[in-house]
N, C-alpha and C. Protein backbone atom coordinates (compact mmCIF):
# COMPACT_ATOMS: atom_id res chain seq x y z
N MET A 1 0.85 -1.19 0.00
CA MET A 1 0.00 0.00 0.00
C MET A 1 0.88 1.24 0.00
N ILE A 2 0.50 2.22 -0.77
CA ILE A 2 1.26 3.45 -0.89
C ILE A 2 0.81 4.42 0.18
N GLY A 3 1.77 5.05 0.85
CA GLY A 3 1.44 6.01 1.89
C GLY A 3 1.04 7.35 1.31
N MET A 4 0.44 8.18 2.15
CA MET A 4 -0.03 9.48 1.70
C MET A 4 1.11 10.33 1.17
N SER A 5 2.31 10.20 1.73
CA SER A 5 3.41 11.05 1.29
C SER A 5 3.80 10.77 -0.15
N ASN A 6 3.43 9.63 -0.70
CA ASN A 6 3.79 9.27 -2.06
C ASN A 6 2.70 9.61 -3.06
N SER A 7 1.53 10.04 -2.62
CA SER A 7 0.40 10.27 -3.52
C SER A 7 0.70 11.33 -4.57
N ALA A 8 1.26 12.46 -4.16
CA ALA A 8 1.57 13.52 -5.12
C ALA A 8 2.62 13.04 -6.11
N ASP A 9 3.61 12.30 -5.61
CA ASP A 9 4.64 11.77 -6.48
C ASP A 9 4.05 10.83 -7.52
N LEU A 10 3.07 10.03 -7.13
CA LEU A 10 2.45 9.11 -8.07
C LEU A 10 1.76 9.84 -9.20
N LEU A 11 1.03 10.88 -8.89
CA LEU A 11 0.32 11.63 -9.92
C LEU A 11 1.31 12.36 -10.81
N THR A 12 2.29 13.01 -10.22
CA THR A 12 3.30 13.72 -10.99
C THR A 12 4.08 12.75 -11.87
N GLU A 13 4.44 11.61 -11.32
CA GLU A 13 5.17 10.60 -12.07
C GLU A 13 4.34 10.09 -13.24
N TYR A 14 3.05 9.83 -12.99
CA TYR A 14 2.18 9.38 -14.07
C TYR A 14 2.14 10.42 -15.19
N LEU A 15 1.89 11.68 -14.83
CA LEU A 15 1.78 12.74 -15.83
C LEU A 15 3.08 12.88 -16.62
N ASP A 16 4.22 12.83 -15.92
CA ASP A 16 5.51 12.93 -16.60
C ASP A 16 5.73 11.76 -17.54
N ASP A 17 5.49 10.54 -17.05
CA ASP A 17 5.69 9.34 -17.87
C ASP A 17 4.78 9.32 -19.09
N ALA A 18 3.55 9.78 -18.92
CA ALA A 18 2.58 9.78 -20.00
C ALA A 18 2.73 10.98 -20.92
N GLY A 19 3.60 11.93 -20.54
CA GLY A 19 3.75 13.15 -21.32
C GLY A 19 2.45 13.93 -21.37
N GLU A 20 1.78 13.94 -20.25
CA GLU A 20 0.44 14.52 -20.17
C GLU A 20 0.42 15.64 -19.15
N THR A 21 -0.52 16.54 -19.32
CA THR A 21 -0.73 17.61 -18.35
C THR A 21 -1.97 17.28 -17.52
N LEU A 22 -2.12 17.98 -16.43
CA LEU A 22 -3.32 17.81 -15.62
C LEU A 22 -4.55 18.18 -16.42
N SER A 23 -4.43 19.19 -17.26
CA SER A 23 -5.56 19.61 -18.11
C SER A 23 -5.96 18.52 -19.10
N SER A 24 -4.98 17.85 -19.70
CA SER A 24 -5.31 16.80 -20.66
C SER A 24 -5.90 15.58 -19.96
N LEU A 25 -5.40 15.28 -18.77
CA LEU A 25 -6.00 14.19 -17.99
C LEU A 25 -7.45 14.53 -17.67
N ALA A 26 -7.68 15.74 -17.22
CA ALA A 26 -9.04 16.18 -16.89
C ALA A 26 -9.96 16.02 -18.09
N ALA A 27 -9.50 16.44 -19.25
CA ALA A 27 -10.32 16.33 -20.47
C ALA A 27 -10.63 14.86 -20.79
N ARG A 28 -9.63 14.01 -20.66
CA ARG A 28 -9.83 12.59 -20.97
C ARG A 28 -10.84 11.92 -20.05
N ILE A 29 -10.92 12.37 -18.81
CA ILE A 29 -11.86 11.74 -17.87
C ILE A 29 -13.18 12.51 -17.78
N GLY A 30 -13.33 13.50 -18.65
CA GLY A 30 -14.59 14.23 -18.71
C GLY A 30 -14.80 15.22 -17.58
N ARG A 31 -13.71 15.76 -17.08
CA ARG A 31 -13.77 16.75 -15.99
C ARG A 31 -13.11 18.04 -16.44
N SER A 32 -13.46 19.11 -15.80
CA SER A 32 -12.80 20.37 -16.13
C SER A 32 -11.46 20.41 -15.39
N PRO A 33 -10.48 21.08 -15.98
CA PRO A 33 -9.19 21.21 -15.28
C PRO A 33 -9.35 21.86 -13.92
N SER A 34 -10.28 22.82 -13.80
CA SER A 34 -10.45 23.50 -12.51
C SER A 34 -10.98 22.54 -11.43
N THR A 35 -11.77 21.56 -11.82
CA THR A 35 -12.26 20.58 -10.85
C THR A 35 -11.10 19.80 -10.24
N LEU A 36 -10.21 19.32 -11.09
CA LEU A 36 -9.04 18.59 -10.59
C LEU A 36 -8.13 19.50 -9.77
N THR A 37 -7.87 20.67 -10.29
CA THR A 37 -6.97 21.60 -9.60
C THR A 37 -7.50 21.98 -8.23
N ARG A 38 -8.77 22.31 -8.15
CA ARG A 38 -9.36 22.69 -6.86
C ARG A 38 -9.33 21.54 -5.87
N ALA A 39 -9.59 20.33 -6.33
CA ALA A 39 -9.51 19.17 -5.44
C ALA A 39 -8.08 18.96 -4.95
N LEU A 40 -7.12 19.07 -5.86
CA LEU A 40 -5.72 18.85 -5.50
C LEU A 40 -5.16 19.95 -4.61
N ARG A 41 -5.76 21.12 -4.66
CA ARG A 41 -5.35 22.22 -3.77
C ARG A 41 -6.08 22.20 -2.44
N GLY A 42 -7.03 21.30 -2.30
CA GLY A 42 -7.81 21.23 -1.07
C GLY A 42 -8.92 22.25 -1.00
N GLU A 43 -9.26 22.84 -2.13
CA GLU A 43 -10.29 23.87 -2.17
C GLU A 43 -11.69 23.30 -2.36
N ARG A 44 -11.78 22.02 -2.66
CA ARG A 44 -13.08 21.34 -2.79
C ARG A 44 -12.88 19.89 -2.38
N ASP A 45 -13.94 19.27 -1.96
CA ASP A 45 -13.87 17.86 -1.59
C ASP A 45 -13.73 17.02 -2.85
N ALA A 46 -12.91 16.00 -2.75
CA ALA A 46 -12.77 15.05 -3.86
C ALA A 46 -13.81 13.95 -3.66
N SER A 47 -14.71 13.85 -4.59
CA SER A 47 -15.74 12.81 -4.50
C SER A 47 -15.15 11.47 -4.87
N LEU A 48 -15.80 10.42 -4.44
CA LEU A 48 -15.38 9.08 -4.81
C LEU A 48 -15.45 8.91 -6.32
N LYS A 49 -16.45 9.51 -6.95
CA LYS A 49 -16.59 9.43 -8.41
C LYS A 49 -15.39 10.08 -9.09
N LEU A 50 -14.98 11.25 -8.62
CA LEU A 50 -13.82 11.91 -9.20
C LEU A 50 -12.57 11.05 -9.01
N ALA A 51 -12.40 10.51 -7.81
CA ALA A 51 -11.23 9.67 -7.53
C ALA A 51 -11.22 8.43 -8.42
N ARG A 52 -12.37 7.84 -8.63
CA ARG A 52 -12.44 6.67 -9.52
C ARG A 52 -12.14 7.06 -10.97
N ASP A 53 -12.59 8.24 -11.37
CA ASP A 53 -12.28 8.72 -12.72
C ASP A 53 -10.78 8.91 -12.90
N VAL A 54 -10.11 9.45 -11.89
CA VAL A 54 -8.66 9.62 -11.95
C VAL A 54 -7.99 8.26 -12.01
N GLU A 55 -8.45 7.32 -11.21
CA GLU A 55 -7.87 5.97 -11.23
C GLU A 55 -8.02 5.35 -12.63
N ARG A 56 -9.20 5.48 -13.20
CA ARG A 56 -9.44 4.94 -14.54
C ARG A 56 -8.57 5.66 -15.57
N GLY A 57 -8.50 6.98 -15.45
CA GLY A 57 -7.74 7.78 -16.40
C GLY A 57 -6.25 7.55 -16.35
N THR A 58 -5.76 7.10 -15.21
CA THR A 58 -4.32 6.81 -15.07
C THR A 58 -4.04 5.32 -15.18
N ASN A 59 -5.03 4.57 -15.63
CA ASN A 59 -4.88 3.12 -15.77
C ASN A 59 -4.45 2.46 -14.46
N GLY A 60 -4.94 3.00 -13.35
CA GLY A 60 -4.67 2.43 -12.04
C GLY A 60 -3.36 2.85 -11.42
N ARG A 61 -2.57 3.64 -12.11
CA ARG A 61 -1.28 4.07 -11.53
C ARG A 61 -1.48 4.98 -10.35
N VAL A 62 -2.57 5.77 -10.36
CA VAL A 62 -2.95 6.56 -9.20
C VAL A 62 -4.31 6.01 -8.78
N SER A 63 -4.31 5.29 -7.67
CA SER A 63 -5.55 4.67 -7.22
C SER A 63 -6.51 5.73 -6.67
N ALA A 64 -7.76 5.36 -6.58
CA ALA A 64 -8.76 6.27 -6.01
C ALA A 64 -8.36 6.67 -4.59
N SER A 65 -7.87 5.71 -3.82
CA SER A 65 -7.49 6.03 -2.44
C SER A 65 -6.27 6.94 -2.40
N ASP A 66 -5.33 6.77 -3.33
CA ASP A 66 -4.18 7.68 -3.39
C ASP A 66 -4.63 9.09 -3.72
N PHE A 67 -5.55 9.22 -4.68
CA PHE A 67 -6.03 10.54 -5.06
C PHE A 67 -6.76 11.22 -3.91
N ILE A 68 -7.60 10.48 -3.22
CA ILE A 68 -8.32 11.05 -2.08
C ILE A 68 -7.34 11.45 -0.98
N ALA A 69 -6.33 10.62 -0.74
CA ALA A 69 -5.33 10.94 0.28
C ALA A 69 -4.60 12.23 -0.07
N LEU A 70 -4.28 12.40 -1.34
CA LEU A 70 -3.60 13.61 -1.79
C LEU A 70 -4.47 14.84 -1.56
N CYS A 71 -5.74 14.73 -1.90
CA CYS A 71 -6.67 15.85 -1.72
C CYS A 71 -6.91 16.16 -0.25
N LEU A 72 -7.02 15.13 0.57
CA LEU A 72 -7.20 15.34 2.01
C LEU A 72 -5.98 16.00 2.63
N ARG A 73 -4.80 15.58 2.19
CA ARG A 73 -3.58 16.21 2.71
C ARG A 73 -3.56 17.69 2.34
N ALA A 74 -3.97 18.02 1.12
CA ALA A 74 -4.01 19.42 0.70
C ALA A 74 -5.01 20.20 1.54
N GLN A 75 -6.15 19.59 1.86
CA GLN A 75 -7.14 20.27 2.70
C GLN A 75 -6.56 20.54 4.08
N ASN A 76 -5.81 19.60 4.61
CA ASN A 76 -5.21 19.79 5.93
C ASN A 76 -4.13 20.85 5.92
N ASP A 77 -3.49 21.04 4.76
CA ASP A 77 -2.44 22.04 4.63
C ASP A 77 -2.96 23.42 4.27
N THR A 78 -4.23 23.51 3.88
CA THR A 78 -4.82 24.78 3.47
C THR A 78 -5.33 25.53 4.69
N PRO A 79 -4.88 26.77 4.89
CA PRO A 79 -5.37 27.55 6.03
C PRO A 79 -6.88 27.83 5.88
N THR A 80 -7.56 27.83 6.98
CA THR A 80 -9.00 28.08 6.96
C THR A 80 -9.32 29.56 7.04
N THR A 81 -8.36 30.36 7.44
CA THR A 81 -8.57 31.81 7.51
C THR A 81 -7.49 32.50 6.70
N PRO A 82 -7.82 33.61 6.09
CA PRO A 82 -6.80 34.34 5.30
C PRO A 82 -5.68 34.83 6.20
N GLU A 83 -4.48 34.78 5.66
CA GLU A 83 -3.34 35.28 6.43
C GLU A 83 -3.33 36.81 6.42
N ALA A 84 -2.82 37.35 7.47
CA ALA A 84 -2.73 38.81 7.56
C ALA A 84 -1.72 39.32 6.54
N ALA A 85 -2.03 40.41 5.92
CA ALA A 85 -1.13 40.97 4.89
C ALA A 85 -0.02 41.75 5.52
């Protein structure tokens, strides 16, 4: 089983190996690039459907659980209040 710390590496590695961008992956799985980006930044919840679409789109190289772990980690790293300027 892959740990949460490897989730981002898995997605980046897949995109690099496939010569693909996040936008092209999003298009192939029928999602908007902003949907993937917002989930990966922790700005929206990653649904199980989205995670399964990513798993399918990466031919299983990034599992649904890895994608959800990556999104959850981003949510935990995202501040809930704006920082003072």
